[in-house]
Amino acid sequence: MQLTSPAFEDGGTMPWTASAPNENELPPLEIRAVPEEARSLAILMEDLDSPLGPVTHWLAWNLPADTSRVDALSLPAESRVGMDAFGKVGYLGPIPPEGSHRYRFRLLALDKALDLEAGATRSHFDEAATGHILETADLVGVIERPPTDPDS
């Protein structure tokens, strides 16, 4: 299974439009080679370099297994979006407190649709997905917070 983006390469710099201080726009994600036995997909994005440990910025599940693209304007109607680590439902783009941080998009192929309502927390998602993950694929992007002008 593969997760890619036309906006950045794996390990490369994510577009600044994806950041919370800018447009807070989910970069386009492309999905390929999903296992035939998959019944649904889930995607999450987390900050791998947060001093608090991995912090969830976005979580979506129950995407149809034949989904091939997700972007800021199109999320399949049957999908559900969960709560991020900041208590908000929806996509919260990267906003590193300082320096650069790595943000991992993780795609999960699941053997069933999850019985979770929209707005569920990451811990509820993890509990529901346990034992149902067939395969995963990762895409990592980096965003660096622009330095602040000490004279301003």
C-alpha atoms as a PDB file:
ATOM      1  CA  MET A   1       0.000   0.000   0.000  1.00  0.00           C
ATOM      2  CA  GLN A   2       1.258   3.490  -0.793  1.00  0.00           C
ATOM      3  CA  LEU A   3       0.491   6.982   0.484  1.00  0.00           C
ATOM      4  CA  THR A   4       1.965   9.883  -1.491  1.00  0.00           C
ATOM      5  CA  SER A   5       1.307  13.562  -2.130  1.00  0.00           C
ATOM      6  CA  PRO A   6       1.828  15.646  -5.252  1.00  0.00           C
ATOM      7  CA  ALA A   7       2.572  18.576  -2.889  1.00  0.00           C
ATOM      8  CA  PHE A   8       5.693  17.090  -1.235  1.00  0.00           C
ATOM      9  CA  GLU A   9       7.941  14.032  -1.280  1.00  0.00           C
ATOM     10  CA  ASP A  10       8.296  11.610   1.615  1.00  0.00           C
ATOM     11  CA  GLY A  11      10.726  13.241   4.037  1.00  0.00           C
ATOM     12  CA  GLY A  12      10.494  16.544   2.172  1.00  0.00           C
ATOM     13  CA  THR A  13       9.125  19.954   3.055  1.00  0.00           C
ATOM     14  CA  MET A  14       5.350  20.268   3.243  1.00  0.00           C
ATOM     15  CA  PRO A  15       3.819  23.356   1.631  1.00  0.00           C
ATOM     16  CA  TRP A  16       3.377  26.253   4.059  1.00  0.00           C
ATOM     17  CA  THR A  17      -0.307  26.387   3.009  1.00  0.00           C
ATOM     18  CA  ALA A  18      -0.772  23.199   5.073  1.00  0.00           C
ATOM     19  CA  SER A  19       0.259  25.020   8.249  1.00  0.00           C
ATOM     20  CA  ALA A  20      -2.209  26.345  10.793  1.00  0.00           C
ATOM     21  CA  PRO A  21      -0.795  29.910  10.697  1.00  0.00           C
ATOM     22  CA  ASN A  22      -1.256  30.052   6.905  1.00  0.00           C
ATOM     23  CA  GLU A  23      -4.208  28.454   5.070  1.00  0.00           C
ATOM     24  CA  ASN A  24      -4.586  25.373   7.316  1.00  0.00           C
ATOM     25  CA  GLU A  25      -5.213  23.324   4.190  1.00  0.00           C
ATOM     26  CA  LEU A  26      -4.863  19.547   4.123  1.00  0.00           C
ATOM     27  CA  PRO A  27      -2.337  18.725   1.405  1.00  0.00           C
ATOM     28  CA  PRO A  28      -3.597  16.380  -1.313  1.00  0.00           C
ATOM     29  CA  LEU A  29      -2.971  12.725  -0.510  1.00  0.00           C
ATOM     30  CA  GLU A  30      -2.947   9.913  -3.045  1.00  0.00           C
ATOM     31  CA  ILE A  31      -3.642   6.287  -2.139  1.00  0.00           C
ATOM     32  CA  ARG A  32      -2.545   3.243  -4.146  1.00  0.00           C
ATOM     33  CA  ALA A  33      -2.332  -0.540  -3.849  1.00  0.00           C
ATOM     34  CA  VAL A  34      -4.888  -0.986  -1.068  1.00  0.00           C
ATOM     35  CA  PRO A  35      -5.227  -4.679  -0.080  1.00  0.00           C
ATOM     36  CA  GLU A  36      -8.222  -6.324  -1.750  1.00  0.00           C
ATOM     37  CA  GLU A  37      -9.565  -7.507   1.589  1.00  0.00           C
ATOM     38  CA  ALA A  38      -9.756  -3.942   2.974  1.00  0.00           C
ATOM     39  CA  ARG A  39     -13.273  -2.753   3.799  1.00  0.00           C
ATOM     40  CA  SER A  40     -12.365   0.808   4.816  1.00  0.00           C
ATOM     41  CA  LEU A  41      -9.441   3.189   5.219  1.00  0.00           C
ATOM     42  CA  ALA A  42      -8.349   5.590   7.930  1.00  0.00           C
ATOM     43  CA  ILE A  43      -5.807   8.407   7.779  1.00  0.00           C
ATOM     44  CA  LEU A  44      -4.221  10.330  10.602  1.00  0.00           C
ATOM     45  CA  MET A  45      -1.591  13.028  10.871  1.00  0.00           C
ATOM     46  CA  GLU A  46       0.611  13.470  13.902  1.00  0.00           C
ATOM     47  CA  ASP A  47       3.541  15.626  14.975  1.00  0.00           C
ATOM     48  CA  LEU A  48       6.413  13.228  15.645  1.00  0.00           C
ATOM     49  CA  ASP A  49       8.675  15.847  17.235  1.00  0.00           C
ATOM     50  CA  SER A  50       6.363  17.370  19.826  1.00  0.00           C
ATOM     51  CA  PRO A  51       7.933  17.503  23.303  1.00  0.00           C
ATOM     52  CA  LEU A  52       4.691  15.847  24.495  1.00  0.00           C
ATOM     53  CA  GLY A  53       5.209  12.811  22.268  1.00  0.00           C
ATOM     54  CA  PRO A  54       3.222  12.200  19.063  1.00  0.00           C
ATOM     55  CA  VAL A  55       0.373  14.731  18.847  1.00  0.00           C
ATOM     56  CA  THR A  56      -2.636  14.029  16.592  1.00  0.00           C
ATOM     57  CA  HIS A  57      -3.504  16.896  14.236  1.00  0.00           C
ATOM     58  CA  TRP A  58      -6.050  15.065  12.076  1.00  0.00           C
ATOM     59  CA  LEU A  59      -7.937  11.792  12.108  1.00  0.00           C
ATOM     60  CA  ALA A  60     -10.424  10.423   9.561  1.00  0.00           C
ATOM     61  CA  TRP A  61     -11.892   6.937   9.205  1.00  0.00           C
ATOM     62  CA  ASN A  62     -14.485   4.940   7.251  1.00  0.00           C
ATOM     63  CA  LEU A  63     -13.144   6.172   3.926  1.00  0.00           C
ATOM     64  CA  PRO A  64     -14.197   3.660   1.255  1.00  0.00           C
ATOM     65  CA  ALA A  65     -11.457   1.150   0.455  1.00  0.00           C
ATOM     66  CA  ASP A  66     -11.410   2.347  -3.172  1.00  0.00           C
ATOM     67  CA  THR A  67     -10.589   5.956  -2.207  1.00  0.00           C
ATOM     68  CA  SER A  68      -7.644   7.100  -4.308  1.00  0.00           C
ATOM     69  CA  ARG A  69      -7.356  10.789  -3.358  1.00  0.00           C
ATOM     70  CA  VAL A  70      -8.156  12.975  -0.371  1.00  0.00           C
ATOM     71  CA  ASP A  71      -7.645  16.722  -0.249  1.00  0.00           C
ATOM     72  CA  ALA A  72      -8.886  19.877   1.449  1.00  0.00           C
ATOM     73  CA  LEU A  73     -12.017  19.959  -0.704  1.00  0.00           C
ATOM     74  CA  SER A  74     -12.970  16.309  -0.928  1.00  0.00           C
ATOM     75  CA  LEU A  75     -13.461  13.801   1.823  1.00  0.00           C
ATOM     76  CA  PRO A  76     -15.867  10.952   0.994  1.00  0.00           C
ATOM     77  CA  ALA A  77     -19.343  11.562   2.430  1.00  0.00           C
ATOM     78  CA  GLU A  78     -19.381   8.323   4.434  1.00  0.00           C
ATOM     79  CA  SER A  79     -16.107   9.119   6.182  1.00  0.00           C
ATOM     80  CA  ARG A  80     -15.942  10.393   9.753  1.00  0.00           C
ATOM     81  CA  VAL A  81     -13.541  12.950  11.200  1.00  0.00           C
ATOM     82  CA  GLY A  82     -12.298  12.726  14.758  1.00  0.00           C
ATOM     83  CA  MET A  83     -11.055  15.071  17.421  1.00  0.00           C
ATOM     84  CA  ASP A  84      -7.476  16.279  17.320  1.00  0.00           C
ATOM     85  CA  ALA A  85      -5.233  16.495  20.373  1.00  0.00           C
ATOM     86  CA  PHE A  86      -6.346  20.096  20.879  1.00  0.00           C
ATOM     87  CA  GLY A  87     -10.029  19.250  21.364  1.00  0.00           C
ATOM     88  CA  LYS A  88     -11.198  20.314  17.894  1.00  0.00           C
ATOM     89  CA  VAL A  89     -12.863  18.202  15.220  1.00  0.00           C
ATOM     90  CA  GLY A  90     -11.216  18.530  11.818  1.00  0.00           C
ATOM     91  CA  TYR A  91      -7.813  19.211  10.318  1.00  0.00           C
ATOM     92  CA  LEU A  92      -5.400  21.349  12.307  1.00  0.00           C
ATOM     93  CA  GLY A  93      -2.325  21.975  10.227  1.00  0.00           C
ATOM     94  CA  PRO A  94       1.210  21.881  11.548  1.00  0.00           C
ATOM     95  CA  ILE A  95       2.336  24.683  13.822  1.00  0.00           C
ATOM     96  CA  PRO A  96       5.699  23.770  15.327  1.00  0.00           C
ATOM     97  CA  PRO A  97       6.428  25.874  18.420  1.00  0.00           C
ATOM     98  CA  GLU A  98       9.960  26.395  17.141  1.00  0.00           C
ATOM     99  CA  GLY A  99      12.339  24.949  14.557  1.00  0.00           C
ATOM    100  CA  SER A 100      11.238  22.152  12.263  1.00  0.00           C
ATOM    101  CA  HIS A 101       8.992  19.210  13.065  1.00  0.00           C
ATOM    102  CA  ARG A 102       8.187  16.016  11.204  1.00  0.00           C
ATOM    103  CA  TYR A 103       4.524  15.295  10.546  1.00  0.00           C
ATOM    104  CA  ARG A 104       3.503  11.748   9.694  1.00  0.00           C
ATOM    105  CA  PHE A 105       0.437  10.911   7.655  1.00  0.00           C
ATOM    106  CA  ARG A 106      -0.435   7.283   8.330  1.00  0.00           C
ATOM    107  CA  LEU A 107      -2.845   5.367   6.131  1.00  0.00           C
ATOM    108  CA  LEU A 108      -4.498   2.279   7.604  1.00  0.00           C
ATOM    109  CA  ALA A 109      -6.336  -0.393   5.638  1.00  0.00           C
ATOM    110  CA  LEU A 110      -9.001  -1.930   7.881  1.00  0.00           C
ATOM    111  CA  ASP A 111     -10.975  -5.142   7.574  1.00  0.00           C
ATOM    112  CA  LYS A 112     -14.221  -3.357   8.505  1.00  0.00           C
ATOM    113  CA  ALA A 113     -15.817   0.055   8.865  1.00  0.00           C
ATOM    114  CA  LEU A 114     -15.462   1.364  12.412  1.00  0.00           C
ATOM    115  CA  ASP A 115     -18.516   1.862  14.598  1.00  0.00           C
ATOM    116  CA  LEU A 116     -17.468   5.316  15.785  1.00  0.00           C
ATOM    117  CA  GLU A 117     -19.340   8.590  15.619  1.00  0.00           C
ATOM    118  CA  ALA A 118     -17.722  11.700  14.152  1.00  0.00           C
ATOM    119  CA  GLY A 119     -15.746  13.604  16.786  1.00  0.00           C
ATOM    120  CA  ALA A 120     -14.394  10.495  18.524  1.00  0.00           C
ATOM    121  CA  THR A 121     -11.015  10.856  20.228  1.00  0.00           C
ATOM    122  CA  ARG A 122      -7.770   9.247  19.116  1.00  0.00           C
ATOM    123  CA  SER A 123      -7.915   6.800  22.025  1.00  0.00           C
ATOM    124  CA  HIS A 124     -11.427   5.693  20.995  1.00  0.00           C
ATOM    125  CA  PHE A 125     -10.218   5.327  17.413  1.00  0.00           C
ATOM    126  CA  ASP A 126      -7.183   3.288  18.466  1.00  0.00           C
ATOM    127  CA  GLU A 127      -9.391   1.007  20.585  1.00  0.00           C
ATOM    128  CA  ALA A 128     -11.893   0.488  17.735  1.00  0.00           C
ATOM    129  CA  ALA A 129      -9.143  -0.176  15.159  1.00  0.00           C
ATOM    130  CA  THR A 130      -7.184  -2.641  17.302  1.00  0.00           C
ATOM    131  CA  GLY A 131      -7.198  -6.067  15.659  1.00  0.00           C
ATOM    132  CA  HIS A 132      -8.637  -4.708  12.396  1.00  0.00           C
ATOM    133  CA  ILE A 133      -5.560  -3.165  10.746  1.00  0.00           C
ATOM    134  CA  LEU A 134      -4.517  -5.087   7.640  1.00  0.00           C
ATOM    135  CA  GLU A 135      -1.709  -2.813   6.468  1.00  0.00           C
ATOM    136  CA  THR A 136      -0.277   0.665   7.003  1.00  0.00           C
ATOM    137  CA  ALA A 137       1.619   3.162   4.864  1.00  0.00           C
ATOM    138  CA  ASP A 138       3.347   6.350   6.003  1.00  0.00           C
ATOM    139  CA  LEU A 139       4.188   9.679   4.412  1.00  0.00           C
ATOM    140  CA  VAL A 140       6.318  12.139   6.390  1.00  0.00           C
ATOM    141  CA  GLY A 141       6.577  15.850   5.701  1.00  0.00           C
ATOM    142  CA  VAL A 142       8.592  18.537   7.451  1.00  0.00           C
ATOM    143  CA  ILE A 143       7.508  22.076   8.299  1.00  0.00           C
ATOM    144  CA  GLU A 144       9.759  24.675   9.849  1.00  0.00           C
ATOM    145  CA  ARG A 145       8.353  27.589  11.767  1.00  0.00           C
ATOM    146  CA  PRO A 146       9.715  30.777  10.223  1.00  0.00           C
ATOM    147  CA  PRO A 147      12.056  32.588  12.588  1.00  0.00           C
ATOM    148  CA  THR A 148      10.535  35.601  14.293  1.00  0.00           C
ATOM    149  CA  ASP A 149      12.086  38.990  13.728  1.00  0.00           C
ATOM    150  CA  PRO A 150      13.684  40.033  17.051  1.00  0.00           C
ATOM    151  CA  ASP A 151      13.256  43.701  16.068  1.00  0.00           C
ATOM    152  CA  SER A 152       9.486  43.516  15.678  1.00  0.00           C
END
